[in-house]
Amino acid sequence: MSVNDIGKLLFAGFEGVEFSEDGQAAKLIRDHRVHCFLIKRHNYVNIQQLKTLLNDLQAFAYNCNFDSPLALSINIDLYDHMRDQNLKELTVFPPSLASSATGNFTLCYNIGKAVGLELKAIGFNMMIGPILDIFYKVSNSKKGINTLGATVDEVSKYAVAFGCGIKSVCFLTSGCSFPGMGNTSIDSVTNDLILVEDYNQIENKNILPFKAMIEVDALDSILVTSAFAPNALYDDLSCCLNPKIVDTLLREKLNFDKLVIGGCLETYEIILNYGIGQAAALSILYAHCDMITICKSYK
């Protein structure tokens, strides 16, 4: 791999709501050949501004002789924020948990299709979703009503419907967050996420919605969480740095041979224990993720 290819390993973020040729995004594209960006809430003001920003990013990459369009992704938090404003440009759909509660698979498929079409119209081509966590209870569920059910069967079936709807309009999907974050706690000191289950529970429950989507080819990529799983892994490596999660469970057990994205490395414990550089090396070279996510701080 040449120096010019290193930027392709990065799922990046940047500050600002407008594009400029001396700004952070331009430097990442021009100087480091970064191809993939996760748009965050601090990049958003309104729909028209966002459309202009995304179009400018693609145009600049084209002018820099990129051989393919940028991957411009949105996660569920920004999408919810946009919809909560009741803008006329977006359809306000019910939360995922409410959609699956109808028991209507066709409805979930059509919502996925509509979401893909609307986001494509803005300029996105990828979603960090669907969320494949299993809803346990509000007090320890990271995503709550944005999950698709309270059982493996519910999440699997409705996620397949929603994901196939998104893919029907040629919009990229990224299942999150492997190996499933339904039962979590938050460290009171570091604010980092802790996955509660042991390895057997993860292997025989949490990962099954991912398995269902992989079997019908409904995922283009999978995002591996940066949360820690002390009851499962018995070491201080977060999931996206750990080959037991990436290699053993995802690559081997689920036979997933597409893009694997390591979760955000900008957590307190990862930075404290390893630093961004060493954590990036662990994620790519030890756990065998294909990319890493660093989207909060340009520095």
Protein backbone atom coordinates (compact mmCIF):
# COMPACT_ATOMS: atom_id res chain seq x y z
CA MET A 1 0.00 0.00 0.00
CA SER A 2 1.36 3.40 -1.00
CA VAL A 3 1.16 6.58 1.07
CA ASN A 4 -1.56 7.81 -1.30
CA ASP A 5 -3.73 4.82 -0.39
CA ILE A 6 -3.70 5.35 3.38
CA GLY A 7 -6.53 7.89 3.19
CA LYS A 8 -8.77 5.16 1.78
CA LEU A 9 -8.62 3.43 5.17
CA LEU A 10 -10.24 6.39 6.93
CA PHE A 11 -13.90 7.14 7.56
CA ALA A 12 -13.48 10.80 8.36
CA GLY A 13 -15.33 13.81 9.66
CA PHE A 14 -14.71 17.52 9.44
CA GLU A 15 -15.92 20.77 10.98
CA GLY A 16 -17.96 23.39 9.21
CA VAL A 17 -21.21 23.76 7.27
CA GLU A 18 -19.74 25.17 4.05
CA PHE A 19 -17.06 23.83 1.73
CA SER A 20 -13.93 25.83 1.04
CA GLU A 21 -10.76 24.81 -0.75
CA ASP A 22 -8.65 25.67 2.28
CA GLY A 23 -10.97 23.93 4.75
CA GLN A 24 -10.61 20.63 6.60
CA ALA A 25 -12.62 18.55 4.13
CA ALA A 26 -10.63 19.87 1.16
CA LYS A 27 -7.34 19.03 2.88
CA LEU A 28 -8.53 15.51 3.67
CA ILE A 29 -9.56 14.98 0.05
CA ARG A 30 -6.70 16.74 -1.72
CA ASP A 31 -3.77 16.01 0.60
CA HIS A 32 -4.72 12.64 2.09
CA ARG A 33 -7.03 11.16 -0.60
CA VAL A 34 -9.80 10.39 1.89
CA HIS A 35 -12.77 8.85 0.07
CA CYS A 36 -15.33 8.36 2.85
CA PHE A 37 -17.00 10.91 5.11
CA LEU A 38 -19.53 10.69 7.92
CA ILE A 39 -21.61 13.86 8.02
CA LYS A 40 -22.37 14.91 11.59
CA ARG A 41 -24.82 17.29 13.22
CA HIS A 42 -22.28 20.10 13.31
CA ASN A 43 -22.20 19.99 9.49
CA TYR A 44 -25.93 20.62 9.20
CA VAL A 45 -28.04 23.78 9.19
CA ASN A 46 -30.85 22.99 6.78
CA ILE A 47 -31.58 20.75 3.81
CA GLN A 48 -30.51 23.21 1.10
CA GLN A 49 -27.24 23.96 2.89
CA LEU A 50 -26.58 20.23 3.26
CA LYS A 51 -27.29 19.57 -0.43
CA THR A 52 -24.83 22.30 -1.40
CA LEU A 53 -22.17 20.97 0.97
CA LEU A 54 -22.43 17.39 -0.32
CA ASN A 55 -22.43 18.50 -3.95
CA ASP A 56 -19.35 20.65 -3.35
CA LEU A 57 -17.54 17.73 -1.73
CA GLN A 58 -18.23 15.47 -4.72
CA ALA A 59 -17.26 18.15 -7.22
CA PHE A 60 -13.95 18.79 -5.45
CA ALA A 61 -13.09 15.08 -5.37
CA TYR A 62 -13.90 14.86 -9.08
CA ASN A 63 -11.60 17.81 -9.77
CA CYS A 64 -8.91 16.03 -7.74
CA ASN A 65 -9.16 13.15 -10.24
CA PHE A 66 -10.77 10.63 -7.89
CA ASP A 67 -11.67 7.51 -9.83
CA SER A 68 -14.97 7.04 -7.96
CA PRO A 69 -17.46 9.24 -6.07
CA LEU A 70 -17.01 9.88 -2.39
CA ALA A 71 -18.95 7.75 0.07
CA LEU A 72 -21.04 10.32 1.95
CA SER A 73 -22.77 8.74 4.92
CA ILE A 74 -25.39 9.73 7.47
CA ASN A 75 -26.10 8.09 10.80
CA ILE A 76 -29.41 7.75 12.56
CA ASP A 77 -28.75 10.62 14.98
CA LEU A 78 -28.45 13.25 12.27
CA TYR A 79 -31.35 11.78 10.31
CA ASP A 80 -33.58 11.96 13.39
CA HIS A 81 -32.49 15.53 14.04
CA MET A 82 -33.40 16.50 10.48
CA ARG A 83 -36.80 14.84 10.68
CA ASP A 84 -37.58 16.30 14.10
CA GLN A 85 -37.57 19.75 12.56
CA ASN A 86 -40.69 18.83 10.57
CA LEU A 87 -39.18 20.16 7.37
CA LYS A 88 -41.33 20.02 4.26
CA GLU A 89 -38.46 18.38 2.36
CA LEU A 90 -38.54 15.22 4.50
CA THR A 91 -41.21 12.68 5.31
CA VAL A 92 -41.66 12.21 9.05
CA PHE A 93 -41.75 8.46 9.58
CA PRO A 94 -42.50 6.79 12.92
CA PRO A 95 -39.52 5.49 14.95
CA SER A 96 -38.20 2.09 13.90
CA LEU A 97 -39.69 0.33 16.92
CA ALA A 98 -43.15 1.71 16.07
CA SER A 99 -42.82 0.65 12.43
CA SER A 100 -41.99 -2.94 13.35
CA ALA A 101 -44.77 -2.99 15.96
CA THR A 102 -47.28 -2.81 13.11
CA GLY A 103 -46.26 -6.30 12.03
CA ASN A 104 -46.23 -5.08 8.44
CA PHE A 105 -43.09 -6.12 6.56
CA THR A 106 -44.18 -4.32 3.40
CA LEU A 107 -44.47 -1.09 5.37
CA CYS A 108 -40.92 -1.45 6.70
CA TYR A 109 -39.66 -2.19 3.17
CA ASN A 110 -41.42 0.87 1.76
CA ILE A 111 -40.11 3.10 4.56
CA GLY A 112 -36.58 1.89 3.80
CA LYS A 113 -37.10 2.63 0.11
CA ALA A 114 -38.47 6.10 0.83
CA VAL A 115 -35.62 6.88 3.24
CA GLY A 116 -33.08 5.88 0.60
CA LEU A 117 -34.74 8.02 -2.07
CA GLU A 118 -34.96 11.09 0.14
CA LEU A 119 -31.37 10.83 1.33
CA LYS A 120 -30.13 10.29 -2.24
CA ALA A 121 -31.96 13.45 -3.27
CA ILE A 122 -29.96 15.37 -0.67
CA GLY A 123 -26.66 13.91 -1.85
CA PHE A 124 -25.97 10.99 0.47
CA ASN A 125 -25.20 7.53 -0.87
CA MET A 126 -24.75 5.56 2.36
CA MET A 127 -26.45 5.12 5.74
CA ILE A 128 -24.91 3.86 8.95
CA GLY A 129 -27.90 1.61 9.44
CA PRO A 130 -30.11 -0.21 9.92
CA ILE A 131 -29.52 -0.52 13.64
CA LEU A 132 -29.40 -4.21 14.51
CA ASP A 133 -29.42 -3.90 18.29
CA ILE A 134 -32.06 -5.81 20.26
CA PHE A 135 -34.25 -3.58 22.42
CA TYR A 136 -34.02 -4.64 26.08
CA LYS A 137 -35.33 -1.73 28.10
CA VAL A 138 -35.04 2.02 27.97
CA SER A 139 -32.58 2.23 30.87
CA ASN A 140 -29.87 0.18 29.16
CA SER A 141 -30.63 0.35 25.45
CA LYS A 142 -28.27 2.61 23.53
CA LYS A 143 -30.64 3.31 20.64
CA GLY A 144 -34.03 2.71 22.28
CA ILE A 145 -36.93 3.31 19.89
CA ASN A 146 -34.58 3.35 16.90
CA THR A 147 -34.18 -0.40 17.24
CA LEU A 148 -36.47 -2.75 15.32
CA GLY A 149 -37.67 -5.09 18.05
CA ALA A 150 -37.23 -6.77 21.41
CA THR A 151 -36.38 -10.25 20.11
CA VAL A 152 -33.86 -11.69 17.65
CA ASP A 153 -36.69 -12.74 15.35
CA GLU A 154 -38.30 -9.30 15.29
CA VAL A 155 -35.09 -7.40 14.67
CA SER A 156 -33.95 -9.86 12.00
CA LYS A 157 -37.17 -9.85 9.96
CA TYR A 158 -37.88 -6.14 10.06
CA ALA A 159 -34.24 -5.20 9.51
CA VAL A 160 -34.17 -7.38 6.41
CA ALA A 161 -37.31 -5.66 5.13
CA PHE A 162 -36.00 -2.16 5.88
CA GLY A 163 -32.51 -2.90 4.53
CA CYS A 164 -33.81 -4.45 1.31
CA GLY A 165 -35.97 -1.35 0.83
CA ILE A 166 -32.92 0.90 1.12
CA LYS A 167 -30.87 -1.24 -1.25
CA SER A 168 -33.69 -1.33 -3.81
CA VAL A 169 -32.84 2.27 -4.73
CA CYS A 170 -29.07 1.58 -4.93
CA PHE A 171 -28.36 3.17 -1.55
CA LEU A 172 -25.56 1.65 0.54
CA THR A 173 -26.25 0.06 3.92
CA SER A 174 -23.96 -0.45 6.92
CA GLY A 175 -25.30 -2.66 9.70
CA CYS A 176 -24.54 -1.25 13.13
CA SER A 177 -23.21 -1.77 15.60
CA PHE A 178 -21.59 -5.21 15.54
CA PRO A 179 -21.76 -7.41 17.56
CA GLY A 180 -25.04 -5.83 18.72
CA MET A 181 -25.44 -3.18 21.39
CA GLY A 182 -28.85 -3.89 22.90
CA ASN A 183 -27.76 -4.48 26.49
CA THR A 184 -25.29 -1.77 27.43
CA SER A 185 -24.15 0.40 30.27
CA ILE A 186 -22.23 3.66 30.27
CA ASP A 187 -19.05 4.10 32.28
CA SER A 188 -19.78 6.81 34.83
CA VAL A 189 -16.22 8.19 34.62
CA THR A 190 -15.28 7.93 30.93
CA ASN A 191 -18.77 7.92 29.38
CA ASP A 192 -17.63 5.01 27.20
CA LEU A 193 -20.10 2.28 26.25
CA ILE A 194 -19.85 -1.14 27.90
CA LEU A 195 -21.43 -4.22 26.34
CA VAL A 196 -22.84 -6.30 29.19
CA GLU A 197 -23.22 -9.79 27.67
CA ASP A 198 -20.70 -12.60 27.83
CA TYR A 199 -19.21 -14.19 24.69
CA ASN A 200 -21.75 -17.01 24.55
CA GLN A 201 -24.66 -14.56 24.66
CA ILE A 202 -23.10 -12.41 21.97
CA GLU A 203 -22.44 -15.40 19.71
CA ASN A 204 -25.85 -17.00 20.14
CA LYS A 205 -28.07 -13.92 20.33
CA ASN A 206 -26.64 -10.49 19.59
CA ILE A 207 -25.08 -11.30 16.22
CA LEU A 208 -28.09 -13.18 14.80
CA PRO A 209 -29.79 -10.14 13.18
CA PHE A 210 -26.52 -9.49 11.35
CA LYS A 211 -26.51 -13.12 10.24
CA ALA A 212 -30.04 -12.77 8.85
CA MET A 213 -29.12 -9.71 6.79
CA ILE A 214 -25.87 -11.22 5.52
CA GLU A 215 -27.71 -14.32 4.32
CA VAL A 216 -29.97 -12.26 2.04
CA ASP A 217 -27.13 -9.93 0.95
CA ALA A 218 -28.81 -6.89 2.52
CA LEU A 219 -25.61 -5.31 3.91
CA ASP A 220 -22.89 -3.57 1.95
CA SER A 221 -20.76 -3.04 5.05
CA ILE A 222 -20.81 -3.50 8.81
CA LEU A 223 -19.72 -1.02 11.48
CA VAL A 224 -18.02 -2.67 14.47
CA THR A 225 -18.58 -0.80 17.72
CA SER A 226 -15.75 0.73 19.70
CA ALA A 227 -17.52 -0.29 22.93
CA PHE A 228 -15.80 -2.58 25.42
CA ALA A 229 -17.09 -6.05 26.27
CA PRO A 230 -15.30 -7.02 29.52
CA ASN A 231 -17.54 -10.02 30.24
CA ALA A 232 -16.89 -11.46 26.78
CA LEU A 233 -13.33 -10.61 25.87
CA TYR A 234 -11.43 -10.56 29.18
CA ASP A 235 -9.01 -7.91 27.97
CA ASP A 236 -8.94 -4.15 27.54
CA LEU A 237 -9.38 -4.14 23.76
CA SER A 238 -12.58 -2.61 22.48
CA CYS A 239 -14.61 -4.63 19.98
CA CYS A 240 -13.27 -2.89 16.87
CA LEU A 241 -9.69 -3.65 17.97
CA ASN A 242 -10.35 -7.27 18.83
CA PRO A 243 -9.89 -10.18 16.38
CA LYS A 244 -12.29 -12.34 18.45
CA ILE A 245 -15.06 -9.99 17.35
CA VAL A 246 -13.94 -9.05 13.83
CA ASP A 247 -12.10 -12.14 12.60
CA THR A 248 -13.72 -14.95 14.58
CA LEU A 249 -17.34 -13.83 14.82
CA LEU A 250 -17.84 -11.60 11.78
CA ARG A 251 -15.41 -12.92 9.17
CA GLU A 252 -15.39 -16.62 10.05
CA LYS A 253 -18.65 -17.49 11.82
CA LEU A 254 -20.89 -15.19 9.74
CA ASN A 255 -18.73 -15.48 6.62
CA PHE A 256 -18.92 -11.75 5.94
CA ASP A 257 -16.51 -10.87 3.13
CA LYS A 258 -17.52 -7.26 2.45
CA LEU A 259 -16.39 -3.96 3.96
CA VAL A 260 -15.83 -3.91 7.74
CA ILE A 261 -15.59 -0.46 9.32
CA GLY A 262 -14.02 -0.05 12.75
CA GLY A 263 -16.02 2.17 15.09
CA CYS A 264 -14.95 5.61 16.28
CA LEU A 265 -11.52 5.50 17.93
CA GLU A 266 -12.00 8.79 19.73
CA THR A 267 -13.19 7.29 23.01
CA TYR A 268 -11.60 8.16 26.33
CA GLU A 269 -10.28 4.67 27.07
CA ILE A 270 -8.91 4.04 23.57
CA ILE A 271 -7.05 7.35 23.50
CA LEU A 272 -5.80 6.87 27.07
CA ASN A 273 -4.60 3.28 26.57
CA TYR A 274 -3.31 3.37 23.00
CA GLY A 275 -3.55 6.74 21.31
CA ILE A 276 -5.15 7.12 17.89
CA GLY A 277 -2.12 5.86 15.95
CA GLN A 278 -1.66 2.58 17.81
CA ALA A 279 -5.42 1.99 17.97
CA ALA A 280 -5.65 2.47 14.20
CA ALA A 281 -2.89 -0.08 13.67
CA LEU A 282 -4.59 -2.56 16.00
CA SER A 283 -7.93 -2.15 14.24
CA ILE A 284 -6.51 -2.62 10.72
CA LEU A 285 -3.57 -4.99 11.23
CA TYR A 286 -4.62 -7.02 14.29
CA ALA A 287 -8.42 -7.14 14.22
CA HIS A 288 -8.53 -6.86 10.39
CA CYS A 289 -11.09 -4.11 9.95
CA ASP A 290 -10.89 -2.61 6.47
CA MET A 291 -11.35 0.98 7.66
CA ILE A 292 -11.33 3.01 10.85
CA THR A 293 -13.62 5.86 11.92
CA ILE A 294 -12.16 9.15 13.15
CA CYS A 295 -14.87 11.74 12.68
CA LYS A 296 -14.95 14.02 15.73
CA SER A 297 -11.64 15.86 15.66
CA TYR A 298 -9.73 16.98 12.57
CA LYS A 299 -6.49 17.12 14.55
